Amino acid sequence: MNKKIIKAINRRLLKAMMEDEKQLRLLLETETNDVPEQQLDGLMVKIEQLLGRIMVNQNKIILLQSIGEEKEKDDEKRNDA
């Protein structure tokens, strides 16, 4: 498995997550001034979308790391045999 590709993908995903988190923090700081919850639907949907993207990217990173570790273990076993 090409470690260079794994690192590049991880960097790309982390960069996207940082950008999404920055947007999320800005949205969470939005002053609502006692606006009824029903009128905040668009804001809440956008926050949920950002949370979803962050979650998906976290899962991608974990899966990629897991696959990389499995491959390393398999390679070690082959070298020991």
PDB file of N, CA and C in Angstrom:
ATOM      1  N   MET A   1       0.853  -1.172   0.000  1.00  0.00           N
ATOM      2  CA  MET A   1       0.000   0.000   0.000  1.00  0.00           C
ATOM      3  C   MET A   1       0.896   1.231   0.000  1.00  0.00           C
ATOM      4  N   ASN A   2       0.532   2.181  -0.763  1.00  0.00           N
ATOM      5  CA  ASN A   2       1.329   3.379  -0.924  1.00  0.00           C
ATOM      6  C   ASN A   2       1.059   4.345   0.231  1.00  0.00           C
ATOM      7  N   LYS A   3       2.026   4.491   1.127  1.00  0.00           N
ATOM      8  CA  LYS A   3       1.875   5.374   2.290  1.00  0.00           C
ATOM      9  C   LYS A   3       1.750   6.834   1.875  1.00  0.00           C
ATOM     10  N   LYS A   4       2.373   7.181   0.757  1.00  0.00           N
ATOM     11  CA  LYS A   4       2.309   8.561   0.271  1.00  0.00           C
ATOM     12  C   LYS A   4       0.864   8.934  -0.075  1.00  0.00           C
ATOM     13  N   ILE A   5       0.158   8.018  -0.704  1.00  0.00           N
ATOM     14  CA  ILE A   5      -1.241   8.268  -1.060  1.00  0.00           C
ATOM     15  C   ILE A   5      -2.090   8.385   0.198  1.00  0.00           C
ATOM     16  N   ILE A   6      -1.860   7.508   1.162  1.00  0.00           N
ATOM     17  CA  ILE A   6      -2.622   7.546   2.409  1.00  0.00           C
ATOM     18  C   ILE A   6      -2.410   8.876   3.128  1.00  0.00           C
ATOM     19  N   LYS A   7      -1.165   9.320   3.205  1.00  0.00           N
ATOM     20  CA  LYS A   7      -0.873  10.601   3.860  1.00  0.00           C
ATOM     21  C   LYS A   7      -1.534  11.757   3.118  1.00  0.00           C
ATOM     22  N   ALA A   8      -1.493  11.722   1.798  1.00  0.00           N
ATOM     23  CA  ALA A   8      -2.098  12.793   1.003  1.00  0.00           C
ATOM     24  C   ALA A   8      -3.607  12.850   1.213  1.00  0.00           C
ATOM     25  N   ILE A   9      -4.232  11.700   1.240  1.00  0.00           N
ATOM     26  CA  ILE A   9      -5.682  11.657   1.460  1.00  0.00           C
ATOM     27  C   ILE A   9      -6.010  12.148   2.862  1.00  0.00           C
ATOM     28  N   ASN A  10      -5.226  11.707   3.853  1.00  0.00           N
ATOM     29  CA  ASN A  10      -5.448  12.170   5.228  1.00  0.00           C
ATOM     30  C   ASN A  10      -5.332  13.685   5.322  1.00  0.00           C
ATOM     31  N   ARG A  11      -4.312  14.248   4.709  1.00  0.00           N
ATOM     32  CA  ARG A  11      -4.137  15.706   4.734  1.00  0.00           C
ATOM     33  C   ARG A  11      -5.335  16.406   4.089  1.00  0.00           C
ATOM     34  N   ARG A  12      -5.763  15.867   2.978  1.00  0.00           N
ATOM     35  CA  ARG A  12      -6.900  16.461   2.259  1.00  0.00           C
ATOM     36  C   ARG A  12      -8.170  16.422   3.111  1.00  0.00           C
ATOM     37  N   LEU A  13      -8.408  15.272   3.750  1.00  0.00           N
ATOM     38  CA  LEU A  13      -9.592  15.140   4.602  1.00  0.00           C
ATOM     39  C   LEU A  13      -9.502  16.044   5.825  1.00  0.00           C
ATOM     40  N   LEU A  14      -8.325  16.114   6.432  1.00  0.00           N
ATOM     41  CA  LEU A  14      -8.147  16.970   7.608  1.00  0.00           C
ATOM     42  C   LEU A  14      -8.338  18.440   7.255  1.00  0.00           C
ATOM     43  N   LYS A  15      -7.855  18.843   6.093  1.00  0.00           N
ATOM     44  CA  LYS A  15      -8.024  20.228   5.652  1.00  0.00           C
ATOM     45  C   LYS A  15      -9.508  20.542   5.479  1.00  0.00           C
ATOM     46  N   ALA A  16     -10.241  19.633   4.853  1.00  0.00           N
ATOM     47  CA  ALA A  16     -11.679  19.830   4.653  1.00  0.00           C
ATOM     48  C   ALA A  16     -12.396  19.894   6.004  1.00  0.00           C
ATOM     49  N   MET A  17     -11.978  19.039   6.930  1.00  0.00           N
ATOM     50  CA  MET A  17     -12.598  19.043   8.254  1.00  0.00           C
ATOM     51  C   MET A  17     -12.332  20.356   8.989  1.00  0.00           C
ATOM     52  N   MET A  18     -11.135  20.876   8.880  1.00  0.00           N
ATOM     53  CA  MET A  18     -10.807  22.136   9.543  1.00  0.00           C
ATOM     54  C   MET A  18     -11.632  23.280   8.963  1.00  0.00           C
ATOM     55  N   GLU A  19     -11.816  23.294   7.652  1.00  0.00           N
ATOM     56  CA  GLU A  19     -12.629  24.329   7.019  1.00  0.00           C
ATOM     57  C   GLU A  19     -14.087  24.210   7.464  1.00  0.00           C
ATOM     58  N   ASP A  20     -14.595  22.970   7.504  1.00  0.00           N
ATOM     59  CA  ASP A  20     -15.973  22.757   7.951  1.00  0.00           C
ATOM     60  C   ASP A  20     -16.143  23.152   9.417  1.00  0.00           C
ATOM     61  N   GLU A  21     -15.164  22.825  10.241  1.00  0.00           N
ATOM     62  CA  GLU A  21     -15.245  23.182  11.658  1.00  0.00           C
ATOM     63  C   GLU A  21     -15.231  24.693  11.840  1.00  0.00           C
ATOM     64  N   LYS A  22     -14.448  25.387  11.041  1.00  0.00           N
ATOM     65  CA  LYS A  22     -14.399  26.844  11.107  1.00  0.00           C
ATOM     66  C   LYS A  22     -15.772  27.432  10.771  1.00  0.00           C
ATOM     67  N   GLN A  23     -16.387  26.919   9.703  1.00  0.00           N
ATOM     68  CA  GLN A  23     -17.731  27.376   9.323  1.00  0.00           C
ATOM     69  C   GLN A  23     -18.743  27.045  10.411  1.00  0.00           C
ATOM     70  N   LEU A  24     -18.605  25.855  10.978  1.00  0.00           N
ATOM     71  CA  LEU A  24     -19.514  25.417  12.035  1.00  0.00           C
ATOM     72  C   LEU A  24     -19.430  26.353  13.241  1.00  0.00           C
ATOM     73  N   ARG A  25     -18.215  26.692  13.645  1.00  0.00           N
ATOM     74  CA  ARG A  25     -18.039  27.601  14.787  1.00  0.00           C
ATOM     75  C   ARG A  25     -18.673  28.969  14.516  1.00  0.00           C
ATOM     76  N   LEU A  26     -18.531  29.452  13.287  1.00  0.00           N
ATOM     77  CA  LEU A  26     -19.155  30.731  12.935  1.00  0.00           C
ATOM     78  C   LEU A  26     -20.680  30.653  13.024  1.00  0.00           C
ATOM     79  N   LEU A  27     -21.227  29.563  12.516  1.00  0.00           N
ATOM     80  CA  LEU A  27     -22.682  29.406  12.569  1.00  0.00           C
ATOM     81  C   LEU A  27     -23.177  29.265  14.005  1.00  0.00           C
ATOM     82  N   LEU A  28     -22.404  28.573  14.831  1.00  0.00           N
ATOM     83  CA  LEU A  28     -22.816  28.384  16.221  1.00  0.00           C
ATOM     84  C   LEU A  28     -22.729  29.676  17.024  1.00  0.00           C
ATOM     85  N   GLU A  29     -21.972  30.643  16.542  1.00  0.00           N
ATOM     86  CA  GLU A  29     -21.871  31.945  17.206  1.00  0.00           C
ATOM     87  C   GLU A  29     -22.948  32.920  16.715  1.00  0.00           C
ATOM     88  N   THR A  30     -23.761  32.488  15.777  1.00  0.00           N
ATOM     89  CA  THR A  30     -24.807  33.348  15.228  1.00  0.00           C
ATOM     90  C   THR A  30     -25.753  33.787  16.340  1.00  0.00           C
ATOM     91  N   GLU A  31     -25.973  35.063  16.398  1.00  0.00           N
ATOM     92  CA  GLU A  31     -26.877  35.626  17.412  1.00  0.00           C
ATOM     93  C   GLU A  31     -28.316  35.437  16.924  1.00  0.00           C
ATOM     94  N   THR A  32     -29.117  34.758  17.719  1.00  0.00           N
ATOM     95  CA  THR A  32     -30.492  34.469  17.313  1.00  0.00           C
ATOM     96  C   THR A  32     -31.504  35.400  17.972  1.00  0.00           C
ATOM     97  N   ASN A  33     -31.123  36.101  19.023  1.00  0.00           N
ATOM     98  CA  ASN A  33     -31.989  37.100  19.666  1.00  0.00           C
ATOM     99  C   ASN A  33     -33.410  36.607  19.896  1.00  0.00           C
ATOM    100  N   ASP A  34     -33.534  35.495  20.543  1.00  0.00           N
ATOM    101  CA  ASP A  34     -34.849  34.940  20.917  1.00  0.00           C
ATOM    102  C   ASP A  34     -35.771  34.687  19.724  1.00  0.00           C
ATOM    103  N   VAL A  35     -35.184  34.409  18.570  1.00  0.00           N
ATOM    104  CA  VAL A  35     -35.976  34.061  17.386  1.00  0.00           C
ATOM    105  C   VAL A  35     -36.578  32.677  17.638  1.00  0.00           C
ATOM    106  N   PRO A  36     -37.862  32.493  17.314  1.00  0.00           N
ATOM    107  CA  PRO A  36     -38.474  31.180  17.519  1.00  0.00           C
ATOM    108  C   PRO A  36     -37.724  30.083  16.751  1.00  0.00           C
ATOM    109  N   GLU A  37     -37.686  28.911  17.349  1.00  0.00           N
ATOM    110  CA  GLU A  37     -36.935  27.794  16.773  1.00  0.00           C
ATOM    111  C   GLU A  37     -37.384  27.468  15.347  1.00  0.00           C
ATOM    112  N   GLN A  38     -38.666  27.628  15.069  1.00  0.00           N
ATOM    113  CA  GLN A  38     -39.189  27.328  13.744  1.00  0.00           C
ATOM    114  C   GLN A  38     -38.541  28.214  12.669  1.00  0.00           C
ATOM    115  N   GLN A  39     -38.139  29.413  13.037  1.00  0.00           N
ATOM    116  CA  GLN A  39     -37.536  30.337  12.074  1.00  0.00           C
ATOM    117  C   GLN A  39     -36.035  30.099  11.914  1.00  0.00           C
ATOM    118  N   LEU A  40     -35.475  29.225  12.733  1.00  0.00           N
ATOM    119  CA  LEU A  40     -34.048  28.923  12.665  1.00  0.00           C
ATOM    120  C   LEU A  40     -33.770  27.633  11.893  1.00  0.00           C
ATOM    121  N   ASP A  41     -34.784  27.140  11.223  1.00  0.00           N
ATOM    122  CA  ASP A  41     -34.667  25.851  10.542  1.00  0.00           C
ATOM    123  C   ASP A  41     -33.502  25.823   9.549  1.00  0.00           C
ATOM    124  N   GLY A  42     -33.349  26.863   8.745  1.00  0.00           N
ATOM    125  CA  GLY A  42     -32.271  26.909   7.757  1.00  0.00           C
ATOM    126  C   GLY A  42     -30.900  26.863   8.412  1.00  0.00           C
ATOM    127  N   LEU A  43     -30.746  27.598   9.505  1.00  0.00           N
ATOM    128  CA  LEU A  43     -29.485  27.614  10.242  1.00  0.00           C
ATOM    129  C   LEU A  43     -29.178  26.235  10.822  1.00  0.00           C
ATOM    130  N   MET A  44     -30.197  25.622  11.394  1.00  0.00           N
ATOM    131  CA  MET A  44     -29.992  24.299  11.997  1.00  0.00           C
ATOM    132  C   MET A  44     -29.671  23.243  10.939  1.00  0.00           C
ATOM    133  N   VAL A  45     -30.299  23.341   9.786  1.00  0.00           N
ATOM    134  CA  VAL A  45     -30.017  22.397   8.697  1.00  0.00           C
ATOM    135  C   VAL A  45     -28.567  22.537   8.253  1.00  0.00           C
ATOM    136  N   LYS A  46     -28.099  23.770   8.100  1.00  0.00           N
ATOM    137  CA  LYS A  46     -26.711  24.003   7.685  1.00  0.00           C
ATOM    138  C   LYS A  46     -25.737  23.456   8.735  1.00  0.00           C
ATOM    139  N   ILE A  47     -26.034  23.663  10.011  1.00  0.00           N
ATOM    140  CA  ILE A  47     -25.186  23.137  11.094  1.00  0.00           C
ATOM    141  C   ILE A  47     -25.155  21.615  11.033  1.00  0.00           C
ATOM    142  N   GLU A  48     -26.311  21.000  10.843  1.00  0.00           N
ATOM    143  CA  GLU A  48     -26.375  19.538  10.754  1.00  0.00           C
ATOM    144  C   GLU A  48     -25.611  19.019   9.542  1.00  0.00           C
ATOM    145  N   GLN A  49     -25.671  19.738   8.428  1.00  0.00           N
ATOM    146  CA  GLN A  49     -24.922  19.336   7.239  1.00  0.00           C
ATOM    147  C   GLN A  49     -23.426  19.367   7.500  1.00  0.00           C
ATOM    148  N   LEU A  50     -22.959  20.425   8.150  1.00  0.00           N
ATOM    149  CA  LEU A  50     -21.535  20.521   8.466  1.00  0.00           C
ATOM    150  C   LEU A  50     -21.110  19.417   9.425  1.00  0.00           C
ATOM    151  N   LEU A  51     -21.937  19.148  10.423  1.00  0.00           N
ATOM    152  CA  LEU A  51     -21.637  18.053  11.354  1.00  0.00           C
ATOM    153  C   LEU A  51     -21.560  16.721  10.611  1.00  0.00           C
ATOM    154  N   GLY A  52     -22.466  16.536   9.676  1.00  0.00           N
ATOM    155  CA  GLY A  52     -22.467  15.301   8.895  1.00  0.00           C
ATOM    156  C   GLY A  52     -21.210  15.151   8.050  1.00  0.00           C
ATOM    157  N   ARG A  53     -20.783  16.240   7.427  1.00  0.00           N
ATOM    158  CA  ARG A  53     -19.566  16.181   6.613  1.00  0.00           C
ATOM    159  C   ARG A  53     -18.344  15.895   7.476  1.00  0.00           C
ATOM    160  N   ILE A  54     -18.279  16.534   8.641  1.00  0.00           N
ATOM    161  CA  ILE A  54     -17.156  16.284   9.553  1.00  0.00           C
ATOM    162  C   ILE A  54     -17.147  14.815   9.980  1.00  0.00           C
ATOM    163  N   MET A  55     -18.314  14.291  10.317  1.00  0.00           N
ATOM    164  CA  MET A  55     -18.427  12.898  10.751  1.00  0.00           C
ATOM    165  C   MET A  55     -17.998  11.934   9.634  1.00  0.00           C
ATOM    166  N   VAL A  56     -18.446  12.185   8.432  1.00  0.00           N
ATOM    167  CA  VAL A  56     -18.093  11.325   7.305  1.00  0.00           C
ATOM    168  C   VAL A  56     -16.585  11.340   7.073  1.00  0.00           C
ATOM    169  N   ASN A  57     -15.979  12.524   7.133  1.00  0.00           N
ATOM    170  CA  ASN A  57     -14.533  12.611   6.933  1.00  0.00           C
ATOM    171  C   ASN A  57     -13.764  11.922   8.053  1.00  0.00           C
ATOM    172  N   GLN A  58     -14.260  12.016   9.295  1.00  0.00           N
ATOM    173  CA  GLN A  58     -13.626  11.295  10.400  1.00  0.00           C
ATOM    174  C   GLN A  58     -13.671   9.786  10.144  1.00  0.00           C
ATOM    175  N   ASN A  59     -14.816   9.314   9.696  1.00  0.00           N
ATOM    176  CA  ASN A  59     -14.966   7.885   9.410  1.00  0.00           C
ATOM    177  C   ASN A  59     -14.039   7.452   8.277  1.00  0.00           C
ATOM    178  N   LYS A  60     -13.879   8.299   7.281  1.00  0.00           N
ATOM    179  CA  LYS A  60     -12.971   7.981   6.173  1.00  0.00           C
ATOM    180  C   LYS A  60     -11.532   7.859   6.678  1.00  0.00           C
ATOM    181  N   ILE A  61     -11.125   8.776   7.537  1.00  0.00           N
ATOM    182  CA  ILE A  61      -9.762   8.739   8.079  1.00  0.00           C
ATOM    183  C   ILE A  61      -9.545   7.472   8.895  1.00  0.00           C
ATOM    184  N   ILE A  62     -10.507   7.142   9.744  1.00  0.00           N
ATOM    185  CA  ILE A  62     -10.391   5.935  10.568  1.00  0.00           C
ATOM    186  C   ILE A  62     -10.312   4.694   9.687  1.00  0.00           C
ATOM    187  N   LEU A  63     -11.158   4.607   8.679  1.00  0.00           N
ATOM    188  CA  LEU A  63     -11.142   3.453   7.777  1.00  0.00           C
ATOM    189  C   LEU A  63      -9.826   3.361   7.030  1.00  0.00           C
ATOM    190  N   LEU A  64      -9.340   4.473   6.535  1.00  0.00           N
ATOM    191  CA  LEU A  64      -8.076   4.500   5.804  1.00  0.00           C
ATOM    192  C   LEU A  64      -6.924   4.048   6.700  1.00  0.00           C
ATOM    193  N   GLN A  65      -6.900   4.537   7.937  1.00  0.00           N
ATOM    194  CA  GLN A  65      -5.863   4.125   8.877  1.00  0.00           C
ATOM    195  C   GLN A  65      -5.958   2.630   9.166  1.00  0.00           C
ATOM    196  N   SER A  66      -7.159   2.137   9.336  1.00  0.00           N
ATOM    197  CA  SER A  66      -7.370   0.721   9.612  1.00  0.00           C
ATOM    198  C   SER A  66      -6.882  -0.146   8.461  1.00  0.00           C
ATOM    199  N   ILE A  67      -7.204   0.253   7.247  1.00  0.00           N
ATOM    200  CA  ILE A  67      -6.764  -0.500   6.073  1.00  0.00           C
ATOM    201  C   ILE A  67      -5.243  -0.477   5.976  1.00  0.00           C
ATOM    202  N   GLY A  68      -4.649   0.687   6.217  1.00  0.00           N
ATOM    203  CA  GLY A  68      -3.195   0.800   6.178  1.00  0.00           C
ATOM    204  C   GLY A  68      -2.519  -0.078   7.215  1.00  0.00           C
ATOM    205  N   GLU A  69      -3.076  -0.124   8.430  1.00  0.00           N
ATOM    206  CA  GLU A  69      -2.506  -0.952   9.493  1.00  0.00           C
ATOM    207  C   GLU A  69      -2.641  -2.437   9.163  1.00  0.00           C
ATOM    208  N   GLU A  70      -3.789  -2.826   8.619  1.00  0.00           N
ATOM    209  CA  GLU A  70      -3.980  -4.226   8.230  1.00  0.00           C
ATOM    210  C   GLU A  70      -2.971  -4.631   7.167  1.00  0.00           C
ATOM    211  N   LYS A  71      -2.773  -3.751   6.205  1.00  0.00           N
ATOM    212  CA  LYS A  71      -1.823  -4.037   5.132  1.00  0.00           C
ATOM    213  C   LYS A  71      -0.414  -4.190   5.680  1.00  0.00           C
ATOM    214  N   GLU A  72      -0.023  -3.317   6.630  1.00  0.00           N
ATOM    215  CA  GLU A  72       1.302  -3.418   7.233  1.00  0.00           C
ATOM    216  C   GLU A  72       1.465  -4.748   7.971  1.00  0.00           C
ATOM    217  N   LYS A  73       0.429  -5.162   8.693  1.00  0.00           N
ATOM    218  CA  LYS A  73       0.489  -6.443   9.416  1.00  0.00           C
ATOM    219  C   LYS A  73       0.620  -7.600   8.438  1.00  0.00           C
ATOM    220  N   ASP A  74      -0.140  -7.556   7.354  1.00  0.00           N
ATOM    221  CA  ASP A  74      -0.053  -8.605   6.337  1.00  0.00           C
ATOM    222  C   ASP A  74       1.337  -8.657   5.721  1.00  0.00           C
ATOM    223  N   ASP A  75       1.895  -7.493   5.449  1.00  0.00           N
ATOM    224  CA  ASP A  75       3.245  -7.431   4.874  1.00  0.00           C
ATOM    225  C   ASP A  75       4.278  -7.998   5.842  1.00  0.00           C
ATOM    226  N   GLU A  76       4.135  -7.697   7.138  1.00  0.00           N
ATOM    227  CA  GLU A  76       5.053  -8.210   8.153  1.00  0.00           C
ATOM    228  C   GLU A  76       4.972  -9.738   8.227  1.00  0.00           C
ATOM    229  N   LYS A  77       3.756 -10.273   8.164  1.00  0.00           N
ATOM    230  CA  LYS A  77       3.571 -11.721   8.215  1.00  0.00           C
ATOM    231  C   LYS A  77       4.246 -12.397   7.017  1.00  0.00           C
ATOM    232  N   ARG A  78       4.100 -11.777   5.847  1.00  0.00           N
ATOM    233  CA  ARG A  78       4.721 -12.347   4.648  1.00  0.00           C
ATOM    234  C   ARG A  78       6.245 -12.308   4.754  1.00  0.00           C
ATOM    235  N   ASN A  79       6.767 -11.224   5.313  1.00  0.00           N
ATOM    236  CA  ASN A  79       8.216 -11.119   5.459  1.00  0.00           C
ATOM    237  C   ASN A  79       8.757 -12.094   6.495  1.00  0.00           C
ATOM    238  N   ASP A  80       7.972 -12.416   7.510  1.00  0.00           N
ATOM    239  CA  ASP A  80       8.399 -13.367   8.540  1.00  0.00           C
ATOM    240  C   ASP A  80       8.342 -14.807   8.035  1.00  0.00           C
ATOM    241  N   ALA A  81       7.478 -15.056   7.065  1.00  0.00           N
ATOM    242  CA  ALA A  81       7.307 -16.431   6.576  1.00  0.00           C
ATOM    243  C   ALA A  81       8.435 -16.896   5.694  1.00  0.00           C
TER     244      ALA A  81
END
